[in-house]
Protein backbone atom coordinates (compact mmCIF):
# COMPACT_ATOMS: atom_id res chain seq x y z
CA MET A 1 -14.90 -17.14 -3.82
CA LYS A 2 -15.64 -15.30 -0.42
CA LEU A 3 -16.68 -17.96 1.89
CA LEU A 4 -13.78 -18.13 4.00
CA SER A 5 -13.46 -20.28 7.38
CA ARG A 6 -13.84 -18.32 10.70
CA LEU A 7 -10.62 -16.23 12.16
CA VAL A 8 -10.97 -17.43 16.01
CA LEU A 9 -8.93 -15.04 18.07
CA VAL A 10 -8.30 -15.95 22.00
CA ILE A 11 -5.82 -14.47 24.16
CA THR A 12 -3.32 -16.57 25.76
CA LEU A 13 -0.44 -16.47 27.70
CA THR A 14 3.30 -16.56 26.05
CA ALA A 15 5.49 -19.80 27.92
CA THR A 16 8.48 -17.21 28.06
CA SER A 17 7.05 -14.04 29.55
CA VAL A 18 4.02 -12.19 31.92
CA VAL A 19 2.39 -10.56 28.67
CA ALA A 20 -0.22 -11.93 26.19
CA GLN A 21 -0.77 -12.10 22.43
CA THR A 22 -3.54 -12.80 19.95
CA LYS A 23 -3.68 -16.87 19.20
CA VAL A 24 -4.19 -17.09 15.45
CA THR A 25 -5.43 -20.57 14.35
CA PRO A 26 -4.61 -21.35 10.41
CA PRO A 27 -7.26 -21.67 8.24
CA LYS A 28 -8.66 -25.08 6.39
CA ASN A 29 -6.43 -26.63 4.02
CA LYS A 30 -6.72 -30.22 2.12
CA TYR A 31 -2.90 -29.49 0.87
CA THR A 32 0.18 -30.83 2.81
CA PRO A 33 3.24 -28.85 4.20
CA GLN A 34 5.15 -30.97 1.66
CA GLN A 35 2.94 -30.13 -1.56
CA ASP A 36 3.05 -26.29 -0.63
CA VAL A 37 7.28 -26.49 -0.81
CA GLN A 38 6.54 -28.23 -4.59
CA ILE A 39 4.08 -25.85 -5.34
CA GLY A 40 6.25 -23.06 -3.58
CA ARG A 41 9.66 -24.71 -5.37
CA GLU A 42 8.09 -24.59 -8.59
CA ALA A 43 6.68 -21.39 -9.07
CA ALA A 44 9.72 -19.25 -7.73
CA ALA A 45 12.46 -21.75 -10.17
CA GLU A 46 9.18 -19.40 -12.69
CA VAL A 47 9.65 -16.26 -10.73
CA ARG A 48 13.91 -16.09 -11.24
CA LYS A 49 14.01 -16.60 -14.17
CA GLU A 50 11.48 -13.21 -15.52
CA TYR A 51 12.48 -11.37 -12.20
CA PRO A 52 15.60 -9.15 -12.25
CA VAL A 53 16.85 -10.84 -9.01
CA ILE A 54 19.74 -8.41 -7.48
CA ASN A 55 22.95 -10.58 -7.66
CA ASP A 56 25.18 -7.68 -5.26
CA SER A 57 26.48 -9.86 -2.44
CA GLN A 58 26.00 -7.09 0.22
CA ILE A 59 22.58 -6.56 -0.38
CA SER A 60 21.63 -10.16 -0.86
CA GLY A 61 23.39 -11.75 2.16
CA TYR A 62 22.03 -8.55 4.38
CA LEU A 63 18.24 -9.60 3.16
CA GLU A 64 18.88 -13.19 3.77
CA ARG A 65 20.48 -11.96 7.20
CA LEU A 66 17.28 -10.41 8.07
CA GLY A 67 14.48 -12.91 6.58
CA ASP A 68 16.72 -15.46 8.63
CA ARG A 69 16.34 -13.73 11.58
CA LEU A 70 12.38 -13.24 11.70
CA VAL A 71 12.31 -17.07 11.09
CA GLU A 72 14.00 -18.14 13.98
CA ALA A 73 11.14 -15.77 15.90
CA ALA A 74 8.35 -17.39 14.23
CA PRO A 75 5.93 -19.56 16.16
CA ARG A 76 7.45 -22.72 16.58
CA GLU A 77 3.84 -24.64 16.17
CA LEU A 78 3.25 -23.02 12.69
CA ASN A 79 7.52 -23.63 11.50
CA ASN A 80 6.78 -26.39 9.70
CA PRO A 81 11.07 -27.87 9.42
CA VAL A 82 9.67 -29.33 5.74
CA PHE A 83 9.80 -25.20 4.58
CA GLU A 84 12.19 -24.18 2.30
CA TYR A 85 12.85 -20.41 3.15
CA SER A 86 14.60 -17.59 0.76
CA PHE A 87 14.83 -14.28 0.61
CA SER A 88 15.70 -12.61 -3.05
CA PRO A 89 16.11 -8.90 -3.55
CA VAL A 90 14.75 -7.41 -6.48
CA ASN A 91 15.71 -4.92 -8.82
CA LEU A 92 12.30 -3.16 -9.22
CA LYS A 93 11.05 0.20 -8.39
CA ASP A 94 7.66 -0.79 -7.42
CA ILE A 95 6.64 -0.98 -3.63
CA ASN A 96 6.10 -5.04 -3.83
CA ALA A 97 6.98 -7.89 -1.55
CA PHE A 98 5.64 -11.26 -1.83
CA ALA A 99 6.13 -14.81 -0.09
CA LEU A 100 5.13 -18.22 -2.04
CA PRO A 101 3.96 -21.64 -0.22
CA GLY A 102 6.83 -23.47 0.98
CA GLY A 103 8.71 -20.16 2.41
CA PRO A 104 10.87 -18.25 -1.13
CA MET A 105 10.15 -14.90 -0.29
CA PHE A 106 11.07 -11.62 -2.88
CA VAL A 107 11.43 -8.52 -1.98
CA ASN A 108 11.89 -5.02 -4.44
CA ARG A 109 14.09 -2.38 -3.99
CA GLY A 110 11.38 0.19 -4.26
CA MET A 111 10.23 -1.89 -0.61
CA ILE A 112 13.81 -1.34 0.82
CA GLU A 113 14.43 2.15 -0.64
CA ALA A 114 10.71 3.50 0.41
CA ALA A 115 10.98 2.44 3.92
CA SER A 116 12.89 4.80 6.72
CA SER A 117 14.11 2.22 8.90
CA GLU A 118 14.73 -1.54 9.20
CA GLY A 119 12.58 -2.41 11.06
CA GLN A 120 9.88 -1.28 8.34
CA VAL A 121 11.18 -3.61 6.25
CA ALA A 122 11.72 -6.54 8.58
CA GLY A 123 7.28 -6.01 9.41
CA VAL A 124 6.34 -6.45 5.71
CA MET A 125 8.88 -9.65 5.89
CA ALA A 126 7.32 -10.66 8.73
CA HIS A 127 4.00 -10.36 7.44
CA GLU A 128 4.53 -12.13 3.90
CA LEU A 129 6.34 -15.02 6.17
CA ALA A 130 3.34 -15.10 8.37
CA HIS A 131 1.37 -16.13 4.94
CA VAL A 132 3.92 -18.74 4.37
CA LEU A 133 3.49 -20.10 8.28
CA LEU A 134 -0.43 -19.55 8.15
CA ARG A 135 -0.08 -21.51 4.51
CA HIS A 136 -2.70 -18.55 3.24
CA GLY A 137 -1.76 -19.49 -0.26
CA THR A 138 -2.44 -23.67 -0.16
CA ALA A 139 -5.59 -22.59 1.76
CA ASN A 140 -7.16 -20.24 -0.70
CA ALA A 141 -6.38 -23.25 -3.52
CA THR A 142 -8.89 -25.31 -0.92
CA LYS A 143 -11.31 -23.28 -2.03
CA ALA A 144 -11.00 -24.06 -5.40
CA GLN A 145 -11.30 -27.39 -5.79
CA GLY A 146 -10.05 -29.86 -8.60
CA PHE A 147 -6.38 -28.36 -9.55
CA GLN A 148 -3.24 -29.71 -9.71
CA ILE A 149 0.01 -29.13 -7.77
CA GLY A 150 1.43 -28.50 -11.19
CA ALA A 151 -1.50 -25.96 -12.24
CA LEU A 152 -1.52 -24.20 -8.75
CA ALA A 153 2.19 -23.31 -9.05
CA GLY A 154 2.02 -21.97 -12.69
CA ALA A 155 -1.30 -20.09 -11.55
CA ILE A 156 1.04 -18.57 -8.85
CA ALA A 157 4.17 -17.73 -10.58
CA GLY A 158 1.77 -16.51 -13.42
CA ALA A 159 0.17 -14.09 -11.02
CA VAL A 160 2.62 -12.93 -9.26
CA ILE A 161 4.57 -12.22 -12.84
CA GLY A 162 1.93 -10.87 -15.11
CA GLY A 163 2.15 -9.76 -18.64
CA GLY A 164 2.75 -11.42 -21.20
CA TRP A 165 5.72 -13.58 -18.97
CA GLY A 166 2.82 -14.45 -16.40
CA GLN A 167 0.74 -15.70 -19.49
CA ILE A 168 3.49 -18.23 -20.85
CA ILE A 169 3.42 -19.46 -16.92
CA GLN A 170 -0.30 -19.75 -16.72
CA GLN A 171 -0.96 -21.51 -19.73
CA GLY A 172 -2.19 -25.29 -19.15
CA SER A 173 -4.06 -23.65 -15.95
CA GLN A 174 -7.03 -22.99 -15.34
CA PHE A 175 -8.15 -19.24 -16.78
CA GLY A 176 -7.82 -16.50 -13.80
CA LEU A 177 -7.06 -18.62 -10.79
CA GLY A 178 -3.77 -17.02 -10.07
CA THR A 179 -5.25 -13.97 -9.25
CA TRP A 180 -7.28 -15.64 -6.75
CA LEU A 181 -4.57 -17.86 -5.29
CA MET A 182 -2.55 -14.86 -5.02
CA LYS A 183 -4.69 -12.34 -3.44
CA TYR A 184 -5.58 -12.03 0.37
CA SER A 185 -8.75 -11.78 1.85
CA ARG A 186 -9.13 -9.02 4.73
CA GLU A 187 -9.27 -11.77 7.30
CA TYR A 188 -6.21 -13.67 5.65
CA GLU A 189 -4.40 -9.80 6.08
CA ARG A 190 -5.43 -9.47 9.97
CA GLN A 191 -4.33 -13.18 10.77
CA ALA A 192 -0.80 -12.28 8.52
CA ASP A 193 -0.76 -8.43 10.68
CA LEU A 194 -1.12 -10.13 14.07
CA VAL A 195 1.30 -13.47 12.94
CA GLY A 196 4.08 -10.50 11.78
CA ALA A 197 3.44 -8.24 14.75
CA GLN A 198 4.60 -11.71 17.35
CA ILE A 199 7.72 -12.61 14.77
CA MET A 200 8.53 -8.77 14.76
CA ALA A 201 8.67 -8.27 18.90
CA ARG A 202 10.74 -11.69 19.66
CA ALA A 203 12.81 -10.28 17.04
CA GLY A 204 13.69 -6.92 18.37
CA TYR A 205 11.36 -4.50 16.47
CA ASP A 206 8.21 -2.79 17.52
CA PRO A 207 5.58 -3.79 15.63
CA ARG A 208 4.34 0.00 15.18
CA GLU A 209 6.71 -0.35 12.33
CA LEU A 210 4.62 -2.23 10.41
CA ALA A 211 1.88 -0.21 10.57
CA ARG A 212 3.54 2.98 9.79
CA MET A 213 5.04 0.88 6.41
CA PHE A 214 1.67 0.54 5.41
CA GLU A 215 1.05 4.34 5.99
CA ILE A 216 4.06 4.61 3.59
CA ILE A 217 3.07 2.55 0.80
CA GLN A 218 -0.25 3.89 1.23
CA LYS A 219 0.95 7.29 0.81
CA GLN A 220 3.32 6.36 -1.98
CA GLY A 221 0.64 4.48 -3.94
CA GLY A 222 -0.70 7.48 -5.44
CA ASN A 223 -4.05 7.07 -6.68
CA GLY A 224 -3.77 4.19 -8.00
CA GLY A 225 -2.27 2.48 -4.98
CA PRO A 226 0.98 0.11 -4.76
CA GLU A 227 1.19 -3.30 -6.36
CA TRP A 228 1.47 -4.40 -3.03
CA LEU A 229 -2.00 -2.76 -1.85
CA SER A 230 -3.89 -4.74 -4.59
CA SER A 231 -2.70 -8.19 -3.12
CA HIS A 232 -3.12 -7.23 0.06
CA PRO A 233 -6.17 -5.39 0.83
CA ASN A 234 -6.59 -3.17 4.61
CA PRO A 235 -9.01 -5.46 6.68
CA GLY A 236 -9.43 -1.84 8.55
CA ASN A 237 -8.12 -0.13 11.29
CA ARG A 238 -5.20 -1.71 10.69
CA THR A 239 -2.88 0.56 12.40
CA GLN A 240 -5.18 0.34 15.72
CA TYR A 241 -5.17 -3.15 15.60
CA ILE A 242 -1.61 -3.55 15.60
CA ALA A 243 -0.76 -1.33 18.03
CA GLN A 244 -2.90 -2.93 20.77
CA GLU A 245 -1.29 -6.19 19.66
CA ALA A 246 2.56 -4.45 20.17
CA ALA A 247 0.94 -3.20 23.84
CA GLN A 248 0.62 -6.93 24.50
CA LEU A 249 4.29 -8.33 23.40
CA ARG A 250 7.47 -8.15 25.31
CA ILE A 251 9.81 -6.20 22.55
CA ALA A 252 13.41 -7.96 22.69
CA PRO A 253 16.55 -6.01 22.17
CA HIS A 254 16.65 -4.04 19.03
CA PRO A 255 19.59 -5.35 16.58
CA SER A 256 21.96 -3.28 14.96
CA GLU A 257 20.79 -1.32 11.87
CA ALA A 258 24.06 -0.91 9.71
CA GLY A 259 23.14 -3.84 7.58
CA PHE A 260 19.72 -2.04 6.58
CA GLN A 261 22.04 1.58 6.23
CA GLN A 262 24.68 -0.27 4.23
CA ALA A 263 22.08 -1.60 1.90
CA LYS A 264 20.38 1.30 0.89
CA GLN A 265 23.82 2.98 0.49
CA ARG A 266 24.47 0.02 -2.31
CA PHE A 267 21.50 1.03 -3.61
CA ALA A 268 22.32 4.87 -3.87
CA SER A 269 25.68 4.15 -6.07
CA MET A 270 23.96 1.62 -8.78
CA PRO A 271 21.78 2.49 -11.61
CA PRO A 272 17.95 3.45 -10.86
CA ALA A 273 15.60 0.96 -10.63
CA ARG A 274 13.20 0.08 -13.57
CA THR A 275 9.25 0.16 -13.27
CA MET A 276 7.68 -3.35 -13.88
CA ALA A 277 5.66 -1.74 -16.37
CA GLU A 278 8.63 -0.57 -18.02
CA LEU A 279 10.69 -3.84 -17.59
CA GLU A 280 7.33 -5.18 -19.64
CA ARG A 281 7.29 -2.43 -21.95
CA SER A 282 11.31 -3.40 -22.78
CA GLY A 283 10.21 -6.69 -23.89
CA GLY A 284 7.63 -5.51 -25.77
CA MET A 285 4.72 -6.46 -24.04
CA GLY A 286 1.46 -3.82 -23.46
CA GLY A 287 -2.19 -4.00 -23.83
CA GLY A 288 -5.02 -2.96 -26.31
CA GLY A 289 -5.70 -2.71 -29.60
CA ASN A 290 -2.68 -3.13 -31.06
CA SER A 291 -1.36 -5.79 -28.29
CA ARG A 292 2.18 -6.83 -28.33
CA SER A 293 3.01 -10.07 -26.56
CA ASP A 294 5.98 -12.80 -26.05
CA GLY A 295 4.10 -15.25 -27.39
CA GLY A 296 0.92 -16.88 -28.23
CA GLY A 297 1.54 -17.94 -31.93
CA SER A 298 -0.60 -16.44 -34.84
CA VAL A 299 -3.42 -16.98 -36.59
CA GLY A 300 -2.94 -16.97 -40.12
CA ARG A 301 -0.57 -13.86 -41.59
CA VAL A 302 -1.93 -10.49 -40.99
CA GLY A 303 -2.70 -7.97 -43.67
CA GLU A 304 -4.14 -10.61 -45.77
CA ALA A 305 -8.24 -10.71 -45.98
CA VAL A 306 -9.82 -11.44 -42.86
CA PRO A 307 -13.03 -13.29 -43.23
CA ALA A 308 -16.56 -12.33 -41.91
CA PRO A 309 -17.47 -13.39 -38.48
CA SER A 310 -19.23 -17.11 -38.84
CA ARG A 311 -22.55 -17.16 -38.56
CA GLN A 312 -22.48 -20.38 -35.95
CA TYR A 313 -21.44 -19.78 -32.99
CA ARG A 314 -19.85 -22.48 -30.39
CA THR A 315 -19.86 -21.69 -26.32
CA VAL A 316 -15.89 -21.90 -24.40
CA GLN A 317 -15.03 -21.62 -21.36
CA GLY A 318 -11.98 -20.02 -19.79
CA GLY A 319 -11.33 -22.06 -17.16
CA GLN A 320 -13.71 -21.81 -14.59
CA LEU A 321 -14.31 -18.50 -14.84
CA PHE A 322 -16.31 -18.03 -17.64
CA THR A 323 -18.00 -19.06 -20.64
CA VAL A 324 -18.72 -16.90 -24.07
CA SER A 325 -20.27 -18.10 -27.24
CA VAL A 326 -18.08 -16.98 -30.18
CA PRO A 327 -17.70 -17.36 -33.94
CA SER A 328 -16.92 -20.70 -35.31
CA ASN A 329 -14.31 -19.75 -37.45
CA TRP A 330 -12.35 -17.40 -34.42
CA GLN A 331 -9.75 -19.39 -32.84
CA ALA A 332 -8.76 -18.63 -29.26
CA LEU A 333 -5.21 -17.74 -28.19
CA THR A 334 -3.62 -16.91 -24.54
CA THR A 335 -1.81 -14.55 -24.55
CA ASN A 336 -1.10 -11.21 -21.89
CA ASN A 337 -2.96 -12.80 -18.83
CA ALA A 338 -6.02 -13.27 -21.26
CA ILE A 339 -7.35 -15.24 -23.81
CA LYS A 340 -8.10 -13.52 -27.16
CA TYR A 341 -10.43 -14.98 -29.96
CA VAL A 342 -9.43 -13.92 -33.19
CA PRO A 343 -10.37 -14.67 -37.19
CA LEU A 344 -8.02 -15.89 -39.61
CA ASN A 345 -5.00 -13.19 -40.52
CA ALA A 346 -6.46 -11.51 -37.57
CA TYR A 347 -3.51 -11.70 -34.55
CA GLY A 348 0.72 -12.26 -35.58
CA ASP A 349 4.03 -10.71 -36.59
CA TYR A 350 3.38 -7.45 -38.69
CA ARG A 351 5.81 -5.36 -39.74
CA GLY A 352 8.08 -6.17 -36.45
CA GLU A 353 5.00 -6.46 -34.00
CA THR A 354 2.37 -8.67 -32.57
CA THR A 355 -0.67 -7.27 -33.71
CA MET A 356 -4.54 -8.05 -33.16
CA THR A 357 -6.10 -6.45 -35.48
CA HIS A 358 -9.88 -8.33 -35.19
CA GLY A 359 -11.64 -9.60 -32.55
CA VAL A 360 -12.45 -10.12 -28.50
CA GLU A 361 -9.58 -10.11 -25.38
CA VAL A 362 -11.10 -11.31 -22.45
CA GLY A 363 -8.74 -11.19 -19.06
CA VAL A 364 -8.88 -10.07 -15.64
CA ALA A 365 -7.11 -6.92 -14.21
CA ARG A 366 -6.06 -6.67 -10.29
CA SER A 367 -7.41 -3.55 -8.86
CA ALA A 368 -6.89 -1.48 -5.78
CA SER A 369 -10.74 0.09 -5.97
CA ARG A 370 -13.60 -2.33 -6.08
CA ASP A 371 -14.82 1.02 -7.51
CA LEU A 372 -16.50 -0.10 -10.79
CA ALA A 373 -15.71 3.36 -12.53
CA GLN A 374 -12.59 4.27 -10.76
CA ALA A 375 -11.21 0.46 -11.53
CA THR A 376 -12.27 0.78 -14.80
CA GLN A 377 -11.01 4.06 -15.63
CA THR A 378 -7.42 3.13 -14.19
CA LEU A 379 -7.76 0.28 -16.88
CA ILE A 380 -8.87 2.53 -19.88
CA ASP A 381 -5.71 4.58 -18.66
CA SER A 382 -3.42 1.89 -18.97
CA PHE A 383 -4.59 1.11 -22.32
CA VAL A 384 -4.50 4.81 -23.81
CA ARG A 385 -0.76 4.76 -22.74
CA GLY A 386 0.72 1.84 -23.69
CA ASN A 387 -1.10 2.39 -27.23
CA ASP A 388 0.46 5.52 -29.34
CA GLY A 389 -2.81 7.40 -30.55
CA MET A 390 -5.20 5.51 -28.81
CA ARG A 391 -8.11 7.92 -27.30
CA GLN A 392 -11.43 7.50 -25.88
CA VAL A 393 -14.27 8.74 -28.16
CA GLY A 394 -17.24 8.72 -26.35
CA ALA A 395 -18.83 8.68 -22.99
CA GLU A 396 -18.96 5.62 -20.71
CA GLU A 397 -22.15 3.63 -21.13
CA TYR A 398 -23.57 1.07 -17.57
CA PHE A 399 -25.43 -2.05 -18.54
CA ARG A 400 -25.51 -5.83 -17.35
CA LEU A 401 -23.09 -8.24 -18.27
CA SER A 402 -23.95 -11.85 -16.93
CA GLY A 403 -26.06 -10.02 -14.50
CA ARG A 404 -24.34 -7.46 -12.61
CA ASN A 405 -22.85 -4.25 -13.15
CA ALA A 406 -21.03 -3.13 -16.12
CA ILE A 407 -19.32 -0.35 -17.61
CA VAL A 408 -18.69 -0.09 -21.33
CA THR A 409 -15.84 2.44 -22.96
CA PRO A 410 -15.36 3.05 -26.17
CA LEU A 411 -11.72 3.91 -27.57
CA VAL A 412 -10.43 4.59 -31.48
CA GLY A 413 -6.60 3.74 -31.68
CA ARG A 414 -4.21 3.59 -35.12
CA SER A 415 -4.76 0.03 -37.02
CA ALA A 416 -2.01 -2.14 -38.22
CA LEU A 417 -3.79 -2.06 -41.47
CA GLY A 418 -3.68 1.60 -41.52
CA GLY A 419 -6.82 3.81 -40.69
CA ASN A 420 -8.14 3.71 -37.61
CA GLU A 421 -9.73 0.80 -35.34
CA ARG A 422 -13.03 1.01 -32.57
CA VAL A 423 -11.96 -0.33 -29.27
CA ASP A 424 -14.94 -0.74 -27.12
CA VAL A 425 -13.90 -2.10 -23.30
CA HIS A 426 -16.17 -4.26 -21.62
CA THR A 427 -15.78 -4.35 -17.70
CA THR A 428 -17.14 -5.29 -14.24
CA MET A 429 -16.33 -6.48 -10.48
CA LEU A 430 -15.39 -9.75 -9.96
CA ASN A 431 -16.58 -11.26 -6.47
CA ASN A 432 -12.82 -11.41 -5.28
CA GLY A 433 -12.33 -7.85 -6.44
CA ASP A 434 -10.34 -8.05 -9.32
CA LEU A 435 -11.72 -6.58 -12.81
CA PHE A 436 -12.88 -8.39 -15.46
CA TYR A 437 -12.96 -7.10 -18.53
CA LEU A 438 -13.87 -8.11 -22.66
CA LEU A 439 -12.75 -5.94 -25.43
CA THR A 440 -13.62 -5.83 -29.06
CA VAL A 441 -11.66 -4.54 -31.85
CA VAL A 442 -11.84 -4.14 -35.30
CA PRO A 443 -10.65 -1.35 -38.25
CA GLU A 444 -13.27 1.57 -37.96
CA ARG A 445 -14.38 0.37 -41.73
CA GLU A 446 -15.56 -2.80 -41.02
CA GLY A 447 -17.43 -1.84 -37.95
CA GLY A 448 -21.05 -2.69 -39.45
CA THR A 449 -19.54 -6.28 -40.83
CA TYR A 450 -18.81 -7.08 -36.85
CA SER A 451 -21.49 -5.14 -34.48
CA GLN A 452 -23.75 -8.07 -34.59
CA ALA A 453 -21.15 -10.65 -33.77
CA PHE A 454 -19.43 -8.14 -31.17
CA ASP A 455 -23.11 -7.56 -29.63
CA ARG A 456 -23.48 -11.46 -29.54
CA VAL A 457 -20.46 -12.21 -27.79
CA VAL A 458 -21.00 -9.45 -25.03
CA ASN A 459 -24.52 -10.90 -24.43
CA SER A 460 -23.45 -14.51 -24.43
CA VAL A 461 -20.44 -14.33 -21.45
CA ARG A 462 -21.53 -15.66 -18.44
CA ILE A 463 -19.53 -15.14 -15.13
CA ASN A 464 -18.62 -17.66 -12.27
CA ASP A 465 -17.03 -16.36 -9.35
CA ARG A 466 -18.97 -17.67 -6.33
């Protein structure tokens, strides 16, 4: 997935000034601009269903005017007339913004509240607009051959939304595809930085405000890193090369920031926004041993006897990302951006919660770090926070999973069936920087019955993320 077309950087003179700017050549793309629009339109419809989009005329109108100003300043040779632009504010505290293929853009309230100037908001939006203009989403899809338009739209929307909602949207699409489509390479990030800086200058904003906003995002993200940076990795020397590009550009007259200040005041009069994690928890979603989700069906009736693992195994696929062998009497369910393999009576509603008591869950988690230990600890922390009574009960151990370095972390939690459950979390890094995990869960009193089956499942995993 890292085989990207080479970024072509040449110096050219603009048609309207004597200053120079860096020319950026869009990457190879097998999709048409019309297909970009179709993918973005379908994905945006799903996002709007599940995201708390702000229906406030003052805030929505402000964001639309700012977005239109940036589109007007976009390079004409990249701004395809078929693109359908929209700019939607989202009532979430997380510092995040994203644009879908073909033009729909969503900006979290937290991004605007974190900014100290309109130029910083405009910088992030110009950066996202550049991804649309350079068609980076479908350029990523070009490298993942064999996917239909509908599957792409569902995978993109599922990757953006995440959690149980994302699972529902991604059903029918290839497992793991969404995170690849929406996680840009450092090369694509540099392209979007440069084109975004050029858009800013023509719209009347100092491109150095974009670099300042990146620094704010990094600082406010804390040790784990904010969501925006997990899908927009820093190419390195970002502040330096944006400043160098800014020095080559002629900045148009600066617009009034009255609308920005009014939007900030409007936000201050509203109830505090929730984080995405809080929104998911309020919808009954979580992770780990007693995982909760919006759907995914059930396998038998939780609370009744669970059969021992079959001695016969079958090999199953998780899209094009992995294969694994599981007991033949286990069934597959897609939930919470993961695939669960469970025996009869081990998954379903139990006392008002969707519960998993026995089986295996395989998933991909976005990570702000490429360090396996750090990324694993972040995932473990999320499991512990999401499950009352869960705790780590031993040191992590390193081993090999599908020929790569991996870690297994032992946890203990409360079983819905009474007593404790044992949860072992196996993690390894994917080539795109995401974290692949496989967790096993079983009541402690039945651990001996399942240990051999779990060992065989883990040893059978084969990951294919080239």
